[in-house]
Protein backbone atom coordinates (compact mmCIF):
# COMPACT_ATOMS: atom_id res chain seq x y z
CA MET A 1 0.63 57.42 2.60
CA VAL A 2 -0.31 55.81 6.39
CA THR A 3 -1.96 52.95 4.66
CA ILE A 4 0.84 52.33 1.53
CA GLY A 5 3.43 52.27 5.05
CA ARG A 6 1.02 49.75 6.85
CA ILE A 7 1.07 47.58 3.78
CA SER A 8 4.86 47.77 3.29
CA HIS A 9 5.27 47.02 6.92
CA SER A 10 2.92 44.12 6.37
CA VAL A 11 4.40 42.58 3.40
CA GLY A 12 7.96 42.83 4.94
CA ALA A 13 6.87 41.07 8.27
CA VAL A 14 5.13 38.36 6.71
CA GLY A 15 8.52 38.08 4.84
CA TRP A 16 10.48 38.28 7.20
CA GLU A 17 8.29 35.39 9.17
CA VAL A 18 8.82 33.22 5.41
CA ILE A 19 12.98 33.97 5.91
CA THR A 20 12.44 32.88 9.72
CA SER A 21 10.93 29.93 8.63
CA ARG A 22 13.16 29.07 5.75
CA ARG A 23 16.34 29.57 8.46
CA ARG A 24 14.44 27.60 11.16
CA LEU A 25 14.21 24.48 7.86
CA LEU A 26 18.11 24.54 7.17
CA LEU A 27 18.81 24.37 11.36
CA GLY A 28 16.68 21.85 10.98
CA VAL A 29 14.21 22.77 13.42
CA PRO A 30 10.90 22.28 12.27
CA PRO A 31 7.79 24.39 13.26
CA LEU A 32 5.68 23.20 16.05
CA PRO A 33 2.52 22.75 13.77
CA ALA A 34 3.78 20.70 11.60
CA LEU A 35 6.37 18.66 14.53
CA ILE A 36 3.35 17.66 17.50
CA PRO A 37 1.16 16.39 14.85
CA ALA A 38 4.02 13.98 13.24
CA LEU A 39 5.44 13.12 17.03
CA LEU A 40 2.11 11.84 17.45
CA VAL A 41 1.57 9.21 14.76
CA GLY A 42 5.10 8.52 15.73
CA ALA A 43 4.26 7.78 18.92
CA ALA A 44 1.17 5.62 17.47
CA MET A 45 3.32 3.86 15.10
CA LEU A 46 6.14 3.02 17.62
CA LEU A 47 3.21 0.64 20.38
CA PRO A 48 4.43 -2.43 18.47
CA VAL A 49 7.90 -2.10 18.59
CA VAL A 50 7.84 -1.08 22.47
CA TYR A 51 5.30 -4.37 22.92
CA LEU A 52 8.49 -6.66 21.21
CA LEU A 53 11.05 -5.02 23.25
CA VAL A 54 8.73 -5.67 26.47
CA ARG A 55 8.19 -9.36 25.32
CA GLY A 56 12.07 -9.79 24.44
CA ALA A 57 13.40 -8.32 27.64
CA SER A 58 12.22 -11.20 29.35
CA ALA A 59 13.84 -13.75 26.54
CA SER A 60 15.73 -16.74 27.75
CA ASP A 61 19.28 -17.80 26.02
CA GLN A 62 16.93 -20.83 24.51
CA ALA A 63 15.51 -18.04 22.45
CA TRP A 64 18.78 -15.91 21.56
CA ASP A 65 20.07 -19.28 20.34
CA LEU A 66 17.25 -20.07 18.32
CA LEU A 67 17.84 -16.58 16.89
CA PHE A 68 21.63 -17.21 15.42
CA ARG A 69 21.05 -20.48 14.31
CA MET A 70 22.19 -21.65 10.63
CA ARG A 71 18.11 -23.02 10.02
CA THR A 72 17.15 -19.25 10.77
CA LEU A 73 19.50 -17.12 8.68
CA GLU A 74 18.52 -19.36 5.57
CA THR A 75 15.11 -18.35 6.00
CA LEU A 76 16.30 -15.01 6.42
CA TRP A 77 17.65 -15.59 2.85
CA ARG A 78 14.68 -17.49 1.44
CA THR A 79 12.33 -14.03 2.53
CA LEU A 80 15.07 -11.59 1.05
CA LEU A 81 14.82 -13.93 -2.42
CA LEU A 82 10.92 -13.71 -2.42
CA ILE A 83 11.08 -10.12 -1.62
CA GLY A 84 13.55 -9.44 -4.46
CA CYS A 85 11.86 -11.25 -6.77
CA VAL A 86 8.19 -9.83 -6.46
CA THR A 87 9.15 -6.39 -6.14
CA THR A 88 10.94 -6.99 -9.59
CA LEU A 89 8.23 -8.66 -11.41
CA SER A 90 5.53 -6.17 -9.79
CA ALA A 91 7.46 -3.02 -11.23
CA ALA A 92 7.54 -4.84 -14.42
CA ILE A 93 3.85 -4.92 -14.83
CA ALA A 94 2.99 -2.20 -12.93
CA VAL A 95 4.49 0.69 -14.66
CA PRO A 96 3.97 0.24 -18.32
CA PHE A 97 0.59 -0.37 -16.71
CA ALA A 98 0.39 3.23 -15.03
CA TRP A 99 2.15 4.41 -18.34
CA LEU A 100 -0.41 3.14 -21.05
CA THR A 101 -3.29 4.12 -18.82
CA ILE A 102 -2.41 8.01 -18.35
CA ARG A 103 -0.20 8.52 -21.56
CA SER A 104 -1.52 6.17 -24.38
CA ASP A 105 -4.41 6.26 -26.39
CA LEU A 106 -5.30 2.15 -25.37
CA PRO A 107 -9.01 1.83 -25.75
CA PHE A 108 -10.81 2.09 -22.06
CA ARG A 109 -8.32 3.32 -20.15
CA ARG A 110 -10.83 4.09 -17.56
CA VAL A 111 -11.69 0.45 -17.17
CA TRP A 112 -8.14 -0.99 -17.61
CA THR A 113 -7.89 1.22 -14.57
CA VAL A 114 -10.33 -0.14 -12.46
CA LEU A 115 -9.47 -3.47 -13.60
CA ALA A 116 -5.93 -3.32 -12.52
CA ALA A 117 -6.33 -2.41 -9.06
CA LEU A 118 -8.56 -4.83 -8.38
CA PRO A 119 -6.46 -7.55 -7.48
CA LEU A 120 -5.54 -5.60 -4.67
CA VAL A 121 -8.30 -6.21 -3.08
CA ILE A 122 -8.54 -10.14 -3.25
CA PRO A 123 -7.00 -11.79 0.59
CA SER A 124 -4.15 -13.40 -0.16
CA PHE A 125 -4.86 -16.55 1.75
CA VAL A 126 -7.99 -16.79 -0.48
CA GLY A 127 -6.29 -15.79 -3.78
CA ALA A 128 -3.53 -18.18 -2.70
CA PHE A 129 -5.97 -21.13 -2.42
CA LEU A 130 -7.69 -20.46 -5.35
CA TYR A 131 -4.76 -20.50 -7.68
CA VAL A 132 -3.93 -23.85 -6.29
CA SER A 133 -7.73 -25.21 -6.61
CA ALA A 134 -7.89 -24.28 -10.16
CA LEU A 135 -3.84 -24.99 -11.20
CA GLY A 136 -2.51 -26.63 -9.02
CA PRO A 137 -1.85 -30.90 -9.69
CA LYS A 138 -5.15 -32.05 -9.56
CA GLY A 139 -6.98 -28.67 -10.06
CA LEU A 140 -9.94 -27.87 -11.92
CA LEU A 141 -7.85 -26.78 -15.32
CA GLN A 142 -6.01 -30.76 -14.84
CA SER A 143 -9.35 -31.98 -14.32
CA ALA A 144 -10.80 -30.08 -17.66
CA LEU A 145 -7.52 -31.35 -19.29
CA GLU A 146 -7.70 -34.89 -18.43
CA VAL A 147 -11.15 -35.19 -19.77
CA MET A 148 -9.99 -33.72 -23.24
CA PHE A 149 -6.47 -34.68 -23.46
CA GLY A 150 -6.00 -37.11 -21.14
CA VAL A 151 -3.89 -35.42 -18.65
CA ASP A 152 -3.26 -36.60 -15.25
CA ARG A 153 -1.15 -34.05 -13.47
CA LEU A 154 -0.09 -30.74 -13.84
CA PRO A 155 3.68 -29.17 -12.87
CA ASP A 156 3.57 -28.33 -8.86
CA MET A 157 2.95 -24.53 -8.12
CA TYR A 158 4.24 -24.42 -4.65
CA GLY A 159 7.78 -23.07 -3.22
CA LEU A 160 9.26 -20.02 -4.74
CA LEU A 161 8.15 -20.03 -8.27
CA GLY A 162 4.79 -20.06 -6.86
CA ALA A 163 4.49 -17.66 -4.12
CA THR A 164 6.41 -14.98 -6.35
CA ALA A 165 3.60 -15.47 -9.06
CA VAL A 166 0.89 -15.36 -6.55
CA LEU A 167 1.83 -12.54 -4.36
CA THR A 168 2.96 -10.53 -8.03
CA LEU A 169 -0.70 -11.22 -8.65
CA LEU A 170 -2.06 -9.77 -5.76
CA SER A 171 0.53 -6.80 -5.05
CA TYR A 172 1.37 -5.33 -8.08
CA PRO A 173 -1.52 -2.37 -7.96
CA TYR A 174 0.69 -0.97 -5.06
CA LEU A 175 2.81 0.06 -7.53
CA PHE A 176 0.53 0.54 -10.00
CA LEU A 177 -1.30 2.99 -8.31
CA THR A 178 1.12 4.83 -6.66
CA VAL A 179 2.96 5.49 -9.94
CA ARG A 180 0.24 6.14 -12.35
CA GLY A 181 -1.01 8.56 -9.16
CA SER A 182 2.40 10.54 -10.23
CA ILE A 183 2.54 10.38 -14.14
CA SER A 184 -0.95 12.10 -14.12
CA ASN A 185 0.85 15.30 -12.16
CA LEU A 186 4.28 15.11 -14.64
CA ASP A 187 4.68 18.39 -15.96
CA PRO A 188 4.54 17.82 -19.95
CA ALA A 189 7.02 20.41 -21.04
CA THR A 190 9.36 18.46 -20.42
CA GLU A 191 8.78 15.67 -22.49
CA GLU A 192 7.86 18.15 -25.17
CA ALA A 193 11.40 19.48 -25.03
CA SER A 194 13.16 16.32 -25.04
CA ARG A 195 10.64 15.17 -28.33
CA GLY A 196 12.06 18.91 -29.31
CA LEU A 197 15.48 17.88 -29.23
CA GLY A 198 15.17 14.80 -31.46
CA HIS A 199 14.34 12.12 -29.02
CA GLY A 200 12.10 9.58 -29.95
CA ALA A 201 8.86 8.19 -27.53
CA TRP A 202 10.83 5.50 -26.30
CA SER A 203 13.95 7.84 -25.37
CA THR A 204 11.97 10.46 -23.75
CA PHE A 205 10.35 7.95 -21.62
CA PHE A 206 13.78 6.41 -19.93
CA ARG A 207 15.87 9.59 -20.44
CA VAL A 208 12.87 11.73 -19.07
CA THR A 209 9.39 10.14 -17.72
CA LEU A 210 11.33 7.20 -15.87
CA PRO A 211 14.03 9.52 -14.01
CA GLN A 212 10.50 11.77 -12.47
CA LEU A 213 8.85 8.98 -11.72
CA LYS A 214 11.76 7.38 -9.25
CA PRO A 215 10.01 8.81 -5.94
CA SER A 216 6.67 6.64 -7.06
CA ILE A 217 8.09 3.84 -8.18
CA ALA A 218 10.55 3.49 -4.98
CA ALA A 219 7.31 4.16 -2.67
CA GLY A 220 5.41 1.45 -4.49
CA SER A 221 8.41 -1.00 -4.63
CA LEU A 222 8.79 0.03 -0.82
CA LEU A 223 4.82 -1.56 -0.21
CA VAL A 224 5.49 -4.47 -2.52
CA ALA A 225 8.51 -5.50 -0.53
CA LEU A 226 7.16 -4.83 3.05
CA TYR A 227 3.78 -6.17 2.38
CA THR A 228 6.04 -9.63 1.01
CA LEU A 229 7.73 -9.12 4.01
CA SER A 230 4.39 -9.63 6.41
CA GLU A 231 2.73 -12.05 4.13
CA PHE A 232 1.80 -14.95 5.76
CA GLY A 233 -1.69 -17.00 4.39
CA ALA A 234 -0.08 -17.05 0.90
CA VAL A 235 3.15 -18.65 1.93
CA ALA A 236 1.78 -20.75 3.93
CA LEU A 237 -1.02 -22.72 1.79
CA LEU A 238 2.44 -22.58 -0.93
CA ARG A 239 4.68 -23.94 1.18
CA TYR A 240 7.50 -21.40 1.04
CA ASN A 241 8.85 -20.75 4.35
CA THR A 242 9.48 -17.27 5.05
CA PHE A 243 10.55 -15.32 8.44
CA THR A 244 6.64 -14.54 8.57
CA PHE A 245 5.41 -17.99 8.44
CA THR A 246 8.17 -19.29 11.44
CA ILE A 247 6.89 -16.22 13.81
CA TYR A 248 3.31 -17.94 13.63
CA GLN A 249 4.27 -21.21 14.41
CA GLN A 250 6.00 -19.33 17.26
CA TYR A 251 3.15 -17.92 18.28
CA GLU A 252 0.73 -20.83 17.87
CA GLY A 253 3.17 -23.67 18.99
CA SER A 254 4.99 -22.04 22.00
CA ILE A 255 4.04 -20.60 24.94
CA ASP A 256 7.36 -18.94 25.44
CA ARG A 257 5.93 -15.65 23.13
CA SER A 258 9.62 -14.45 23.97
CA ILE A 259 11.03 -15.78 20.70
CA ALA A 260 8.70 -14.90 18.43
CA ALA A 261 9.28 -11.45 19.72
CA LEU A 262 13.14 -11.54 18.95
CA LEU A 263 12.04 -12.79 15.44
CA SER A 264 9.84 -9.94 14.69
CA PHE A 265 12.67 -7.71 15.66
CA VAL A 266 14.58 -9.27 13.00
CA LEU A 267 11.46 -8.40 10.52
CA VAL A 268 11.64 -4.50 11.37
CA LEU A 269 15.38 -4.56 11.10
CA MET A 270 14.68 -5.70 7.48
CA ALA A 271 11.94 -3.35 6.76
CA VAL A 272 14.40 -0.52 8.50
CA VAL A 273 17.39 -2.06 5.68
CA ILE A 274 14.60 -1.92 2.78
CA LEU A 275 13.43 1.69 3.86
CA LEU A 276 17.27 2.52 3.47
CA SER A 277 17.01 1.37 0.18
CA GLU A 278 13.80 3.17 -0.86
CA ASN A 279 15.77 6.16 0.00
CA TYR A 280 18.66 5.68 -1.88
CA THR A 281 16.84 5.06 -4.76
CA ARG A 282 14.49 7.97 -4.27
CA GLY A 283 17.50 10.19 -4.02
CA ARG A 284 17.20 14.39 -3.12
CA GLY A 285 16.54 15.25 -6.36
CA ARG A 286 13.92 17.82 -6.80
CA TYR A 287 10.95 16.38 -8.52
CA TYR A 288 8.80 19.42 -8.79
CA ARG A 289 8.89 22.29 -11.64
CA SER A 290 11.37 24.66 -11.04
CA GLY A 291 10.39 27.11 -13.74
CA ALA A 292 7.32 29.41 -14.92
CA GLY A 293 4.56 27.37 -16.69
CA THR A 294 0.86 26.22 -16.91
CA ALA A 295 -0.86 23.04 -15.79
CA ARG A 296 -1.91 21.33 -18.60
CA LYS A 297 -2.67 17.76 -20.28
CA PRO A 298 -0.01 15.95 -22.03
CA ALA A 299 0.01 14.64 -25.54
CA VAL A 300 -1.47 11.40 -25.95
CA VAL A 301 0.91 8.83 -27.38
CA LYS A 302 0.01 6.93 -30.24
CA LEU A 303 0.37 3.30 -29.99
CA GLY A 304 -0.10 2.25 -33.46
CA ARG A 305 0.23 -1.28 -34.08
CA TRP A 306 1.80 -1.73 -30.57
CA LYS A 307 -1.98 -1.28 -29.47
CA TRP A 308 -2.76 -5.01 -29.48
CA ALA A 309 0.17 -6.18 -27.77
CA ALA A 310 -0.82 -3.64 -25.15
CA LEU A 311 -4.15 -5.14 -24.92
CA ALA A 312 -2.62 -8.56 -25.14
CA ALA A 313 -0.36 -7.95 -21.98
CA MET A 314 -2.71 -6.42 -20.27
CA GLY A 315 -5.27 -8.76 -20.77
CA THR A 316 -3.12 -12.23 -19.94
CA VAL A 317 -1.94 -10.37 -16.48
CA LEU A 318 -5.83 -9.82 -15.82
CA THR A 319 -7.01 -13.07 -16.87
CA LEU A 320 -4.28 -14.36 -14.48
CA ALA A 321 -4.43 -11.74 -11.43
CA LEU A 322 -8.60 -11.32 -11.56
CA VAL A 323 -10.70 -13.24 -13.62
CA LEU A 324 -9.31 -16.19 -12.79
CA PRO A 325 -9.95 -15.65 -8.92
CA VAL A 326 -13.21 -14.21 -9.35
CA GLY A 327 -14.18 -17.04 -12.11
CA VAL A 328 -13.39 -20.14 -9.24
CA LEU A 329 -15.72 -18.01 -6.87
CA LEU A 330 -18.75 -17.66 -9.31
CA PHE A 331 -17.80 -21.95 -10.11
CA TRP A 332 -18.46 -22.43 -5.77
CA LEU A 333 -21.29 -20.14 -5.87
CA ILE A 334 -22.82 -21.98 -8.73
CA ARG A 335 -22.07 -25.12 -7.54
CA GLY A 336 -23.32 -24.33 -4.07
CA LEU A 337 -26.22 -22.76 -5.48
CA GLY A 338 -27.20 -25.84 -7.19
CA ALA A 339 -26.77 -28.22 -3.81
CA GLY A 340 -29.11 -25.87 -2.04
CA GLU A 341 -26.59 -23.86 -0.25
CA PRO A 342 -28.09 -20.50 1.04
CA LEU A 343 -27.18 -17.55 -0.56
CA LEU A 344 -26.08 -14.97 1.90
CA LEU A 345 -25.92 -11.64 0.97
CA LEU A 346 -24.71 -10.83 4.66
CA TRP A 347 -25.86 -7.30 4.64
CA SER A 348 -24.27 -6.76 8.39
CA ALA A 349 -21.07 -8.12 7.66
CA THR A 350 -20.74 -5.72 4.58
CA ARG A 351 -22.06 -2.37 6.85
CA ASN A 352 -19.29 -3.33 9.09
CA SER A 353 -16.88 -3.78 6.76
CA LEU A 354 -17.61 -0.38 5.17
CA LEU A 355 -17.76 1.32 8.10
CA VAL A 356 -14.48 0.33 9.65
CA SER A 357 -13.01 0.37 6.02
CA GLY A 358 -14.05 4.60 5.85
CA GLY A 359 -13.25 5.20 9.22
CA ALA A 360 -9.11 3.71 8.94
CA ALA A 361 -8.64 5.84 5.12
CA VAL A 362 -10.28 9.20 6.77
CA VAL A 363 -8.11 8.96 9.60
CA THR A 364 -4.57 7.25 7.94
CA ALA A 365 -5.28 9.77 5.18
CA ALA A 366 -4.77 12.39 7.87
CA MET A 367 -2.19 10.83 10.05
CA ALA A 368 -0.10 10.45 6.46
CA ILE A 369 -0.55 14.18 5.76
CA ALA A 370 1.13 15.16 8.66
CA MET A 371 4.10 13.16 8.63
CA ALA A 372 4.72 13.89 5.00
CA VAL A 373 4.66 17.66 5.56
CA LEU A 374 7.30 17.16 8.24
CA LEU A 375 9.47 14.29 5.98
CA VAL A 376 9.31 16.54 3.40
CA ARG A 377 9.19 19.55 3.95
CA TYR A 378 10.81 20.34 7.49
CA PRO A 379 14.19 17.45 6.76
CA SER A 380 16.00 17.23 10.05
CA ARG A 381 17.68 14.75 12.49
CA LEU A 382 14.66 13.81 13.44
CA ASN A 383 13.18 12.56 10.48
CA ARG A 384 15.79 9.86 10.78
CA VAL A 385 14.40 8.27 13.47
CA LEU A 386 10.60 9.07 12.24
CA GLU A 387 10.46 7.49 9.09
CA PRO A 388 11.45 3.77 9.96
CA ILE A 389 9.53 3.64 12.74
CA SER A 390 6.49 4.49 10.12
CA PHE A 391 6.70 1.85 8.11
CA THR A 392 7.40 -0.38 11.03
CA GLY A 393 3.75 -1.51 11.28
CA TYR A 394 3.63 -2.55 7.65
CA ALA A 395 6.42 -4.96 8.48
CA LEU A 396 5.21 -7.09 10.91
CA PRO A 397 2.47 -9.51 11.20
CA GLY A 398 -1.18 -8.41 11.49
CA VAL A 399 -1.38 -10.75 14.72
CA VAL A 400 2.03 -9.14 16.39
CA VAL A 401 0.36 -5.34 15.56
CA ALA A 402 -3.15 -6.94 17.19
CA LEU A 403 -1.20 -8.46 20.23
CA ALA A 404 0.73 -5.11 20.88
CA LEU A 405 -2.54 -3.21 20.76
CA VAL A 406 -4.13 -5.70 23.46
CA PHE A 407 -1.51 -5.37 25.68
CA PHE A 408 -1.96 -1.70 25.86
CA GLY A 409 -5.49 -1.59 25.54
CA ALA A 410 -5.99 -3.75 28.59
CA LYS A 411 -3.57 -1.58 30.84
CA TYR A 412 -3.80 1.87 29.74
CA ALA A 413 -7.06 2.41 27.48
CA ARG A 414 -9.58 0.27 28.68
CA PRO A 415 -12.39 2.26 27.66
CA LEU A 416 -11.34 1.61 24.19
CA TYR A 417 -10.30 -2.20 24.61
CA GLN A 418 -12.76 -4.08 21.83
CA THR A 419 -14.21 -0.90 20.87
CA HIS A 420 -14.82 0.04 17.10
CA TRP A 421 -12.21 2.90 17.73
CA MET A 422 -9.40 0.46 18.76
CA LEU A 423 -10.18 -1.42 15.85
CA ILE A 424 -9.79 1.44 13.45
CA PHE A 425 -6.46 2.54 14.96
CA ALA A 426 -5.19 -0.73 14.14
CA TYR A 427 -5.99 -0.82 10.87
CA ALA A 428 -3.96 2.77 10.77
CA VAL A 429 -1.38 1.19 12.33
CA LEU A 430 -0.89 -1.36 9.83
CA PHE A 431 -1.62 0.05 6.80
CA PHE A 432 -0.14 3.59 7.58
CA PRO A 433 2.85 3.33 5.36
CA VAL A 434 0.63 2.81 2.20
CA ALA A 435 -0.98 6.08 2.61
CA LEU A 436 2.26 7.46 3.83
CA GLY A 437 4.29 6.32 0.60
CA SER A 438 1.29 7.87 -1.99
CA VAL A 439 1.04 11.16 -0.28
CA ARG A 440 4.44 12.01 0.48
CA SER A 441 5.41 11.46 -3.59
CA ALA A 442 2.49 13.62 -4.24
CA LEU A 443 4.26 16.12 -1.93
CA LEU A 444 7.46 15.67 -3.17
CA GLN A 445 6.15 16.53 -6.94
CA ILE A 446 4.84 20.73 -5.44
CA SER A 447 7.26 23.26 -5.34
CA PRO A 448 7.41 24.65 -1.52
CA ARG A 449 8.08 28.49 -3.65
CA LEU A 450 3.94 27.99 -4.08
CA GLU A 451 3.63 27.62 0.07
CA ASP A 452 6.29 30.68 0.47
CA ALA A 453 4.27 33.30 -2.15
CA ALA A 454 0.76 32.56 -0.21
CA ARG A 455 2.71 33.14 3.01
CA CYS A 456 4.10 36.66 1.66
CA LEU A 457 0.56 37.31 0.85
CA GLY A 458 -0.48 37.00 4.82
CA HIS A 459 -1.95 33.50 4.91
CA ASN A 460 -0.85 31.55 7.76
CA PRO A 461 0.78 27.83 7.76
CA VAL A 462 -2.40 26.42 8.12
CA ARG A 463 -4.44 28.18 5.72
CA VAL A 464 -1.81 27.80 3.23
CA MET A 465 -2.20 24.06 3.90
CA MET A 466 -5.87 24.29 3.54
CA ARG A 467 -6.14 26.63 0.29
CA VAL A 468 -2.89 25.67 -1.25
CA THR A 469 -1.00 22.10 -0.12
CA LEU A 470 -3.84 20.15 -0.37
CA PRO A 471 -5.58 20.88 -3.07
CA LEU A 472 -2.56 20.29 -5.34
CA MET A 473 -2.05 16.49 -3.30
CA ARG A 474 -5.49 16.24 -3.43
CA SER A 475 -4.98 13.26 -5.84
CA GLY A 476 -2.22 11.44 -3.54
CA VAL A 477 -4.11 12.14 -0.56
CA LEU A 478 -7.44 9.77 -2.13
CA MET A 479 -5.59 7.18 -3.71
CA GLY A 480 -3.97 6.90 -0.46
CA ALA A 481 -7.14 6.62 1.56
CA ALA A 482 -8.27 4.37 -1.28
CA LEU A 483 -5.77 1.81 -1.03
CA VAL A 484 -6.02 1.67 2.92
CA PHE A 485 -9.87 1.34 2.20
CA LEU A 486 -8.72 -1.97 -0.37
CA LEU A 487 -6.80 -3.20 2.43
CA THR A 488 -8.94 -2.94 5.45
CA MET A 489 -11.97 -4.04 3.67
CA LYS A 490 -10.04 -7.80 3.86
CA GLU A 491 -8.00 -7.19 6.56
CA LEU A 492 -8.32 -10.74 8.94
CA PRO A 493 -5.88 -11.18 12.07
CA ALA A 494 -6.43 -7.52 13.20
CA THR A 495 -10.17 -7.96 12.71
CA LEU A 496 -10.52 -11.20 14.65
CA ILE A 497 -8.72 -10.43 17.68
CA LEU A 498 -9.37 -6.83 17.92
CA GLY A 499 -12.91 -6.61 16.94
CA PRO A 500 -16.21 -6.21 19.90
CA LEU A 501 -17.91 -9.32 20.86
CA GLY A 502 -20.08 -10.28 17.92
CA PHE A 503 -18.86 -8.06 15.13
CA GLN A 504 -18.27 -9.99 11.60
CA THR A 505 -16.90 -8.33 8.67
CA LEU A 506 -16.96 -9.70 4.71
CA ALA A 507 -13.25 -10.98 5.68
CA THR A 508 -13.86 -12.80 8.92
CA SER A 509 -17.35 -14.45 7.08
CA VAL A 510 -14.95 -15.60 4.49
CA TRP A 511 -12.21 -16.69 6.80
CA SER A 512 -14.67 -18.54 8.96
CA ALA A 513 -16.23 -20.37 5.97
CA THR A 514 -13.28 -21.62 4.71
CA THR A 515 -11.47 -22.69 7.90
CA GLU A 516 -14.33 -25.25 7.82
CA ALA A 517 -14.00 -25.82 4.34
CA PHE A 518 -17.40 -24.43 3.20
CA PHE A 519 -16.53 -23.21 0.18
CA ALA A 520 -19.89 -22.62 -1.99
CA ARG A 521 -20.49 -20.53 1.40
CA ALA A 522 -17.17 -18.59 1.35
CA ALA A 523 -17.44 -17.55 -2.40
CA ALA A 524 -20.64 -14.70 -1.60
CA PRO A 525 -18.60 -12.78 0.93
CA ALA A 526 -15.43 -13.00 -1.30
CA LEU A 527 -17.42 -11.84 -4.31
CA MET A 528 -18.86 -8.47 -1.94
CA ILE A 529 -15.86 -7.64 -0.58
CA ILE A 530 -14.39 -7.33 -4.41
CA LEU A 531 -17.86 -5.58 -5.68
CA MET A 532 -17.38 -3.24 -2.32
CA SER A 533 -13.72 -2.43 -2.66
CA SER A 534 -14.11 -1.52 -6.82
CA ILE A 535 -16.41 1.43 -5.66
CA PRO A 536 -13.75 3.90 -4.10
CA MET A 537 -11.30 2.76 -7.05
CA THR A 538 -13.90 3.99 -9.63
CA LEU A 539 -14.93 7.03 -8.35
CA LEU A 540 -11.78 8.04 -8.46
CA VAL A 541 -10.60 6.94 -11.75
CA LEU A 542 -14.10 8.82 -12.54
CA ARG A 543 -12.75 11.94 -11.16
CA GLU A 544 -9.63 12.43 -12.55
CA LYS A 545 -9.37 15.57 -14.40
CA ARG A 546 -6.36 14.79 -15.90
CA THR A 547 -6.82 11.30 -17.62
CA LEU A 548 -7.23 12.20 -21.44
CA VAL A 549 -10.70 10.58 -23.10
């Protein structure tokens, strides 16, 4: 009787603790284990904004006049137009591709998954130059057509059309990977119920499946929009003037950095607007299963005669997004070898890239978990501040974030200045939203009742996180870490500014070769970036337990 009484008392105490935790949640008071890590992450994300405040505080009247000129408003409109076009087209490509590689009987689905994600690893400035050199007015395609058919010029691919096409082909994997991870975690019971009520495959997809994918589609669209907002290399080569290009011009051509700081503040405000749009699109609905059930594999949808159309669509997109750039790189490499150019395997640069990319992936994923737990499980007024702050680093040009860390590192963190740790921290600030979007989408699909049940069994919050929550959101965490790894492999401005003396990565090797017009020399490290970046994506696909065979 004494033992039973003690057990009842223990269970009652734990139950009261869970009730108290829920009451604190309703009152908007997050517990300290969730609050302190998120605040530290938010402080790290706030460093670029503080730097802009310091620079903008000394802005002259001329700088403020420049900010409100009609030309600045026109540039703002051009940037928003590009963001809208790229995000819409990326969603139109990514959502069907994600569904086909998870739920259909498409042949070689795992191979298609890896190939569809690889365009993300191509540096934007390299990709834009490859497309111009291959498809431009005097490119390789035009030269071949001139020999065969006498075509002396192809249509111009500069401006909005070319920038939209190139950025869409290079950025749709953000949406593809995020949506695919959510589709793999959906409960098939809702779709089966819809089919049992007489709805066909298309009706079920649009009425049941697509609404459940709203968090992942919104998170992926947010990443695409912010990527387009901060892009510089591709839009510069394709002669489409955006806000980021204007900021770079101010940093390079003006001694007064306050003008560029004010323009960067506009980027921050645009990022906040994009984030609010993502929150509105995502809504406050529940995306986890609330009833009883068991996890199981969904039924494979037979494509039938549509299989060939699906293969043709994916083949066409991947030919333009991956085969064409890689083909041009191989062409440069072979032509260079034929001309006597030495083949540089760049093992040292490869090792450096893997070192900092792997470190950035681990650090950023851990930061994303800390922030996602607070944003999803403990909604409060504080989240209205922390959430937009979390996405500011990705909206800013890499040079702005790098200069901000140079400013703080030289003044307040001298031991870390120009070390690998400072570089990894810069990558975490830049690509934190990428990991956060994937991790938050995974956490939204986990019912909090599972965590409450574990707490009632006597487990503390840390143990619940390690034993219950993290295993369930593993696919989202791994996908977020893989995305950070892919992006870090090709990051250039932060590496050039913050890297230790003599530190060379594959991306900096490509940059140094292309700036000197040694395209054959740039082909080897560029191909190595694609090869090394394909490894984590392949491993993730092979580890998927819910992918059907």
